C-alpha cells in the first residue's frame, strides 16, 4: 500500500497497548462504592472488580431477619461491581480513544 507506513502503525499499536496495560494496573488501586438500603450496607471495590471492604450499619442487623441483610449485601456488592465495570471501561476508553483492543479493553 503506497503511503502507508506499516512499521509506524505497529509502533503506535504497541504504544497504545502499553498505555492500556499501564492504566489497567493503576485501576487496581482506584476504588468505587456501592450502597444498598439507603447506605445501611456499603461495599468498596477496586476498579478491577475486587471487593475491598463491606461496611454494615448496626441498624441493618436483625437476628430475626437475616435474609434482609443478605439481600442488602448482595445488592451493595452488585452495585459496587457495576460501578467498577462502568468506571474502568470509561477510563480505558480515555486511554484508547474508544478503540476496542481484544484482550485489553472490553
C-alpha atoms as a PDB file:
ATOM      1  CA  UNK A   1       0.000   0.000   0.000  1.00  0.00           C
ATOM      2  CA  UNK A   2       1.647   3.235  -1.084  1.00  0.00           C
ATOM      3  CA  UNK A   3       1.805   5.981   1.514  1.00  0.00           C
ATOM      4  CA  UNK A   4       1.115   3.711   4.488  1.00  0.00           C
ATOM      5  CA  UNK A   5       3.958   3.091   6.901  1.00  0.00           C
ATOM      6  CA  UNK A   6       3.103  -0.245   8.491  1.00  0.00           C
ATOM      7  CA  UNK A   7       6.048  -0.023  10.878  1.00  0.00           C
ATOM      8  CA  UNK A   8       4.704   3.279  12.194  1.00  0.00           C
ATOM      9  CA  UNK A   9       1.237   1.794  12.659  1.00  0.00           C
ATOM     10  CA  UNK A  10       2.691  -1.186  14.513  1.00  0.00           C
ATOM     11  CA  UNK A  11       4.698   1.104  16.821  1.00  0.00           C
ATOM     12  CA  UNK A  12       1.565   3.154  17.540  1.00  0.00           C
ATOM     13  CA  UNK A  13      -0.432  -0.004  18.275  1.00  0.00           C
ATOM     14  CA  UNK A  14       2.300  -1.206  20.626  1.00  0.00           C
ATOM     15  CA  UNK A  15       2.342   2.155  22.434  1.00  0.00           C
ATOM     16  CA  UNK A  16      -1.422   2.087  22.794  1.00  0.00           C
ATOM     17  CA  UNK A  17      -1.328  -1.459  24.143  1.00  0.00           C
ATOM     18  CA  UNK A  18       1.312  -0.448  26.701  1.00  0.00           C
ATOM     19  CA  UNK A  19      -0.749   2.583  27.793  1.00  0.00           C
ATOM     20  CA  UNK A  20      -3.850   0.443  28.267  1.00  0.00           C
ATOM     21  CA  UNK A  21      -1.930  -2.183  30.264  1.00  0.00           C
ATOM     22  CA  UNK A  22      -0.426   0.521  32.488  1.00  0.00           C
ATOM     23  CA  UNK A  23      -3.827   2.103  33.082  1.00  0.00           C
ATOM     24  CA  UNK A  24      -5.289  -1.284  33.979  1.00  0.00           C
ATOM     25  CA  UNK A  25      -2.566  -1.722  36.601  1.00  0.00           C
ATOM     26  CA  UNK A  26      -3.390   1.712  38.031  1.00  0.00           C
ATOM     27  CA  UNK A  27      -7.097   0.846  38.165  1.00  0.00           C
ATOM     28  CA  UNK A  28      -6.307  -1.872  40.703  1.00  0.00           C
ATOM     29  CA  UNK A  29      -5.634   0.920  43.225  1.00  0.00           C
ATOM     30  CA  UNK A  30      -8.723   3.004  42.447  1.00  0.00           C
ATOM     31  CA  UNK A  31     -11.980   2.310  44.255  1.00  0.00           C
ATOM     32  CA  UNK A  32     -15.708   2.837  43.824  1.00  0.00           C
ATOM     33  CA  UNK A  33     -18.616   2.358  46.229  1.00  0.00           C
ATOM     34  CA  UNK A  34     -21.889   0.537  46.008  1.00  0.00           C
ATOM     35  CA  UNK A  35     -24.623   1.116  48.571  1.00  0.00           C
ATOM     36  CA  UNK A  36     -27.898  -0.549  49.448  1.00  0.00           C
ATOM     37  CA  UNK A  37     -30.688   0.154  51.904  1.00  0.00           C
ATOM     38  CA  UNK A  38     -30.085   3.915  51.944  1.00  0.00           C
ATOM     39  CA  UNK A  39     -26.467   3.300  52.904  1.00  0.00           C
ATOM     40  CA  UNK A  40     -27.067   0.603  55.520  1.00  0.00           C
ATOM     41  CA  UNK A  41     -24.598  -1.557  53.582  1.00  0.00           C
ATOM     42  CA  UNK A  42     -21.653  -0.053  51.732  1.00  0.00           C
ATOM     43  CA  UNK A  43     -19.254  -2.060  49.596  1.00  0.00           C
ATOM     44  CA  UNK A  44     -15.953  -0.692  48.314  1.00  0.00           C
ATOM     45  CA  UNK A  45     -14.492  -2.379  45.252  1.00  0.00           C
ATOM     46  CA  UNK A  46     -11.470  -1.688  43.109  1.00  0.00           C
ATOM     47  CA  UNK A  47     -11.918  -0.669  39.506  1.00  0.00           C
ATOM     48  CA  UNK A  48     -10.619  -4.149  38.660  1.00  0.00           C
ATOM     49  CA  UNK A  49     -13.617  -5.775  40.360  1.00  0.00           C
ATOM     50  CA  UNK A  50     -12.113  -6.859  43.677  1.00  0.00           C
ATOM     51  CA  UNK A  51     -14.188  -6.277  46.813  1.00  0.00           C
ATOM     52  CA  UNK A  52     -12.051  -4.380  49.339  1.00  0.00           C
ATOM     53  CA  UNK A  53     -14.444  -3.711  52.226  1.00  0.00           C
ATOM     54  CA  UNK A  54     -18.017  -4.236  53.324  1.00  0.00           C
ATOM     55  CA  UNK A  55     -19.471  -1.926  55.967  1.00  0.00           C
ATOM     56  CA  UNK A  56     -22.752  -2.767  57.665  1.00  0.00           C
ATOM     57  CA  UNK A  57     -24.665  -0.258  59.769  1.00  0.00           C
ATOM     58  CA  UNK A  58     -25.863  -1.763  63.064  1.00  0.00           C
ATOM     59  CA  UNK A  59     -29.421  -0.790  62.107  1.00  0.00           C
ATOM     60  CA  UNK A  60     -29.268  -3.383  59.332  1.00  0.00           C
ATOM     61  CA  UNK A  61     -28.595  -6.233  61.734  1.00  0.00           C
ATOM     62  CA  UNK A  62     -31.769  -8.004  62.802  1.00  0.00           C
ATOM     63  CA  UNK A  63     -31.163 -11.539  64.087  1.00  0.00           C
ATOM     64  CA  UNK A  64     -34.742 -12.395  63.150  1.00  0.00           C
ATOM     65  CA  UNK A  65     -34.357 -11.250  59.538  1.00  0.00           C
ATOM     66  CA  UNK A  66     -31.004 -12.376  58.212  1.00  0.00           C
ATOM     67  CA  UNK A  67     -32.369 -12.672  54.689  1.00  0.00           C
ATOM     68  CA  UNK A  68     -32.843  -8.885  54.536  1.00  0.00           C
ATOM     69  CA  UNK A  69     -29.183  -8.354  55.452  1.00  0.00           C
ATOM     70  CA  UNK A  70     -28.124 -10.951  52.897  1.00  0.00           C
ATOM     71  CA  UNK A  71     -30.154  -9.146  50.227  1.00  0.00           C
ATOM     72  CA  UNK A  72     -28.633  -5.780  51.188  1.00  0.00           C
ATOM     73  CA  UNK A  73     -25.103  -7.185  50.993  1.00  0.00           C
ATOM     74  CA  UNK A  74     -25.814  -8.777  47.620  1.00  0.00           C
ATOM     75  CA  UNK A  75     -27.345  -5.564  46.266  1.00  0.00           C
ATOM     76  CA  UNK A  76     -24.441  -3.422  47.519  1.00  0.00           C
ATOM     77  CA  UNK A  77     -21.876  -5.843  46.037  1.00  0.00           C
ATOM     78  CA  UNK A  78     -23.668  -5.841  42.695  1.00  0.00           C
ATOM     79  CA  UNK A  79     -23.871  -2.037  42.737  1.00  0.00           C
ATOM     80  CA  UNK A  80     -20.149  -1.728  43.512  1.00  0.00           C
ATOM     81  CA  UNK A  81     -19.174  -4.204  40.797  1.00  0.00           C
ATOM     82  CA  UNK A  82     -21.404  -2.489  38.223  1.00  0.00           C
ATOM     83  CA  UNK A  83     -19.916   0.886  39.167  1.00  0.00           C
ATOM     84  CA  UNK A  84     -16.444  -0.655  38.947  1.00  0.00           C
ATOM     85  CA  UNK A  85     -17.064  -2.030  35.476  1.00  0.00           C
ATOM     86  CA  UNK A  86     -18.506   1.248  34.194  1.00  0.00           C
ATOM     87  CA  UNK A  87     -15.672   3.301  35.705  1.00  0.00           C
ATOM     88  CA  UNK A  88     -12.935   1.017  34.389  1.00  0.00           C
ATOM     89  CA  UNK A  89     -14.402   0.985  30.883  1.00  0.00           C
ATOM     90  CA  UNK A  90     -14.659   4.783  30.836  1.00  0.00           C
ATOM     91  CA  UNK A  91     -11.049   5.103  31.986  1.00  0.00           C
ATOM     92  CA  UNK A  92      -9.776   2.613  29.404  1.00  0.00           C
ATOM     93  CA  UNK A  93     -11.778   4.389  26.691  1.00  0.00           C
ATOM     94  CA  UNK A  94      -9.966   7.614  27.624  1.00  0.00           C
ATOM     95  CA  UNK A  95      -6.609   5.925  27.086  1.00  0.00           C
ATOM     96  CA  UNK A  96      -7.549   4.060  23.924  1.00  0.00           C
ATOM     97  CA  UNK A  97      -9.660   6.793  22.393  1.00  0.00           C
ATOM     98  CA  UNK A  98     -12.565   4.370  22.321  1.00  0.00           C
ATOM     99  CA  UNK A  99     -10.701   1.810  20.225  1.00  0.00           C
ATOM    100  CA  UNK A 100     -11.569  -1.709  21.354  1.00  0.00           C
ATOM    101  CA  UNK A 101      -8.474  -3.862  21.751  1.00  0.00           C
ATOM    102  CA  UNK A 102      -9.332  -7.558  22.115  1.00  0.00           C
ATOM    103  CA  UNK A 103      -7.993  -8.905  25.385  1.00  0.00           C
ATOM    104  CA  UNK A 104      -7.277  -5.423  26.769  1.00  0.00           C
ATOM    105  CA  UNK A 105     -10.450  -3.385  26.534  1.00  0.00           C
ATOM    106  CA  UNK A 106     -13.979  -4.689  26.712  1.00  0.00           C
END
